[in-house]
């Protein structure tokens, strides 16, 4: 308890892992929400029957672009959290080295 209160032990690595998984689940939801908002903002007058203003080839290209954007967002999210966790691992290693002396 003393280490926790004196900031010798961090709770952040555990919180980072939890926040990573929450973000992994929320990124696709956010992408779909942004796509929906863009569609309703810039294409508000299109009814459900007139929805196909894109050709099938354009829809496939749009889906592929959207998929890769989502994939890169997820990978970027992972890299950010790996950096943070590595930072705390370095801190732990340095504290061990300091305690050996």
C-alpha atoms as a PDB file:
ATOM      1  CA  UNK A   1       0.000   0.000   0.000  1.00  0.00           C
ATOM      2  CA  UNK A   2       2.889   2.341   0.771  1.00  0.00           C
ATOM      3  CA  UNK A   3       4.331   1.836  -2.737  1.00  0.00           C
ATOM      4  CA  UNK A   4       0.961   2.690  -4.257  1.00  0.00           C
ATOM      5  CA  UNK A   5       0.531   5.840  -2.178  1.00  0.00           C
ATOM      6  CA  UNK A   6       4.082   7.016  -2.884  1.00  0.00           C
ATOM      7  CA  UNK A   7       3.660   6.373  -6.656  1.00  0.00           C
ATOM      8  CA  UNK A   8       6.311   3.645  -6.693  1.00  0.00           C
ATOM      9  CA  UNK A   9       3.711   1.243  -8.115  1.00  0.00           C
ATOM     10  CA  UNK A  10       1.565   2.383 -11.010  1.00  0.00           C
ATOM     11  CA  UNK A  11      -1.989   1.275 -11.737  1.00  0.00           C
ATOM     12  CA  UNK A  12      -1.810   2.773 -15.215  1.00  0.00           C
ATOM     13  CA  UNK A  13      -0.596  -0.378 -17.076  1.00  0.00           C
ATOM     14  CA  UNK A  14      -3.701  -2.265 -15.927  1.00  0.00           C
ATOM     15  CA  UNK A  15      -5.922   0.665 -16.846  1.00  0.00           C
ATOM     16  CA  UNK A  16      -4.215   0.964 -20.232  1.00  0.00           C
ATOM     17  CA  UNK A  17      -5.085  -2.607 -21.133  1.00  0.00           C
ATOM     18  CA  UNK A  18      -8.702  -2.063 -20.114  1.00  0.00           C
ATOM     19  CA  UNK A  19      -8.904   1.211 -22.082  1.00  0.00           C
ATOM     20  CA  UNK A  20      -7.346  -0.489 -25.110  1.00  0.00           C
ATOM     21  CA  UNK A  21     -10.092  -3.093 -25.280  1.00  0.00           C
ATOM     22  CA  UNK A  22     -12.795  -0.491 -24.750  1.00  0.00           C
ATOM     23  CA  UNK A  23     -11.306   1.522 -27.622  1.00  0.00           C
ATOM     24  CA  UNK A  24     -11.081  -1.541 -29.861  1.00  0.00           C
ATOM     25  CA  UNK A  25     -14.817  -2.007 -29.435  1.00  0.00           C
ATOM     26  CA  UNK A  26     -15.701   1.675 -29.770  1.00  0.00           C
ATOM     27  CA  UNK A  27     -13.623   2.520 -32.868  1.00  0.00           C
ATOM     28  CA  UNK A  28     -15.894   0.600 -35.292  1.00  0.00           C
ATOM     29  CA  UNK A  29     -18.991   2.066 -33.627  1.00  0.00           C
ATOM     30  CA  UNK A  30     -17.522   5.540 -33.989  1.00  0.00           C
ATOM     31  CA  UNK A  31     -16.657   4.889 -37.647  1.00  0.00           C
ATOM     32  CA  UNK A  32     -20.188   3.756 -38.430  1.00  0.00           C
ATOM     33  CA  UNK A  33     -21.614   6.759 -36.578  1.00  0.00           C
ATOM     34  CA  UNK A  34     -19.397   9.193 -38.491  1.00  0.00           C
ATOM     35  CA  UNK A  35     -20.323   7.506 -41.767  1.00  0.00           C
ATOM     36  CA  UNK A  36     -24.013   7.773 -40.883  1.00  0.00           C
ATOM     37  CA  UNK A  37     -23.649  11.464 -39.960  1.00  0.00           C
ATOM     38  CA  UNK A  38     -21.811  12.237 -43.204  1.00  0.00           C
ATOM     39  CA  UNK A  39     -24.466  10.405 -45.190  1.00  0.00           C
ATOM     40  CA  UNK A  40     -27.393  12.170 -43.505  1.00  0.00           C
ATOM     41  CA  UNK A  41     -25.684  15.573 -43.620  1.00  0.00           C
ATOM     42  CA  UNK A  42     -24.566  15.560 -47.229  1.00  0.00           C
ATOM     43  CA  UNK A  43     -27.218  13.292 -48.736  1.00  0.00           C
ATOM     44  CA  UNK A  44     -30.388  14.153 -46.765  1.00  0.00           C
ATOM     45  CA  UNK A  45     -32.855  14.151 -49.670  1.00  0.00           C
ATOM     46  CA  UNK A  46     -32.231  10.633 -50.886  1.00  0.00           C
ATOM     47  CA  UNK A  47     -35.026   8.228 -50.013  1.00  0.00           C
ATOM     48  CA  UNK A  48     -34.513   4.525 -49.404  1.00  0.00           C
ATOM     49  CA  UNK A  49     -35.611   3.639 -52.929  1.00  0.00           C
ATOM     50  CA  UNK A  50     -33.202   6.112 -54.513  1.00  0.00           C
ATOM     51  CA  UNK A  51     -30.361   5.140 -52.227  1.00  0.00           C
ATOM     52  CA  UNK A  52     -28.171   3.592 -54.864  1.00  0.00           C
ATOM     53  CA  UNK A  53     -26.478   6.665 -56.292  1.00  0.00           C
ATOM     54  CA  UNK A  54     -23.254   4.688 -56.374  1.00  0.00           C
ATOM     55  CA  UNK A  55     -22.638   1.976 -58.907  1.00  0.00           C
ATOM     56  CA  UNK A  56     -21.864  -1.491 -57.541  1.00  0.00           C
ATOM     57  CA  UNK A  57     -18.189  -1.042 -58.427  1.00  0.00           C
ATOM     58  CA  UNK A  58     -18.092   2.277 -56.542  1.00  0.00           C
ATOM     59  CA  UNK A  59     -19.747   0.644 -53.530  1.00  0.00           C
ATOM     60  CA  UNK A  60     -17.107  -2.093 -53.452  1.00  0.00           C
ATOM     61  CA  UNK A  61     -14.333   0.488 -53.717  1.00  0.00           C
ATOM     62  CA  UNK A  62     -15.950   2.560 -50.949  1.00  0.00           C
ATOM     63  CA  UNK A  63     -16.266  -0.523 -48.722  1.00  0.00           C
ATOM     64  CA  UNK A  64     -12.627  -1.497 -49.319  1.00  0.00           C
ATOM     65  CA  UNK A  65     -11.442   2.031 -48.494  1.00  0.00           C
ATOM     66  CA  UNK A  66     -13.619   2.098 -45.372  1.00  0.00           C
ATOM     67  CA  UNK A  67     -12.346  -1.332 -44.301  1.00  0.00           C
ATOM     68  CA  UNK A  68      -8.692  -0.346 -44.679  1.00  0.00           C
ATOM     69  CA  UNK A  69      -9.265   2.932 -42.847  1.00  0.00           C
ATOM     70  CA  UNK A  70     -10.830   0.990 -39.983  1.00  0.00           C
ATOM     71  CA  UNK A  71      -7.946  -1.494 -40.023  1.00  0.00           C
ATOM     72  CA  UNK A  72      -5.346   1.277 -39.893  1.00  0.00           C
ATOM     73  CA  UNK A  73      -7.217   3.038 -37.079  1.00  0.00           C
ATOM     74  CA  UNK A  74      -7.180  -0.186 -35.057  1.00  0.00           C
ATOM     75  CA  UNK A  75      -3.463  -0.724 -35.732  1.00  0.00           C
ATOM     76  CA  UNK A  76      -2.666   2.877 -34.777  1.00  0.00           C
ATOM     77  CA  UNK A  77      -4.654   2.423 -31.553  1.00  0.00           C
ATOM     78  CA  UNK A  78      -2.612  -0.701 -30.796  1.00  0.00           C
ATOM     79  CA  UNK A  79       0.727   1.034 -31.455  1.00  0.00           C
ATOM     80  CA  UNK A  80      -0.176   3.924 -29.154  1.00  0.00           C
ATOM     81  CA  UNK A  81      -0.963   1.572 -26.297  1.00  0.00           C
ATOM     82  CA  UNK A  82       2.130  -0.556 -26.924  1.00  0.00           C
ATOM     83  CA  UNK A  83       4.186   2.628 -26.589  1.00  0.00           C
ATOM     84  CA  UNK A  84       2.547   3.518 -23.284  1.00  0.00           C
ATOM     85  CA  UNK A  85       2.951   0.014 -21.878  1.00  0.00           C
ATOM     86  CA  UNK A  86       6.594  -0.092 -22.999  1.00  0.00           C
ATOM     87  CA  UNK A  87       7.151   3.203 -21.210  1.00  0.00           C
ATOM     88  CA  UNK A  88       5.876   1.749 -17.951  1.00  0.00           C
ATOM     89  CA  UNK A  89       7.905  -1.439 -18.485  1.00  0.00           C
ATOM     90  CA  UNK A  90      11.025   0.719 -18.864  1.00  0.00           C
ATOM     91  CA  UNK A  91      10.124   2.491 -15.644  1.00  0.00           C
ATOM     92  CA  UNK A  92       9.799  -0.833 -13.826  1.00  0.00           C
ATOM     93  CA  UNK A  93      13.144  -2.039 -15.214  1.00  0.00           C
ATOM     94  CA  UNK A  94      14.861   1.163 -14.136  1.00  0.00           C
ATOM     95  CA  UNK A  95      13.355   0.887 -10.657  1.00  0.00           C
ATOM     96  CA  UNK A  96      14.697  -2.684 -10.384  1.00  0.00           C
ATOM     97  CA  UNK A  97      18.150  -1.537 -11.481  1.00  0.00           C
ATOM     98  CA  UNK A  98      18.004   1.293  -8.951  1.00  0.00           C
ATOM     99  CA  UNK A  99      17.054  -1.108  -6.139  1.00  0.00           C
ATOM    100  CA  UNK A 100      20.005  -3.437  -6.939  1.00  0.00           C
ATOM    101  CA  UNK A 101      22.583  -0.727  -6.259  1.00  0.00           C
END
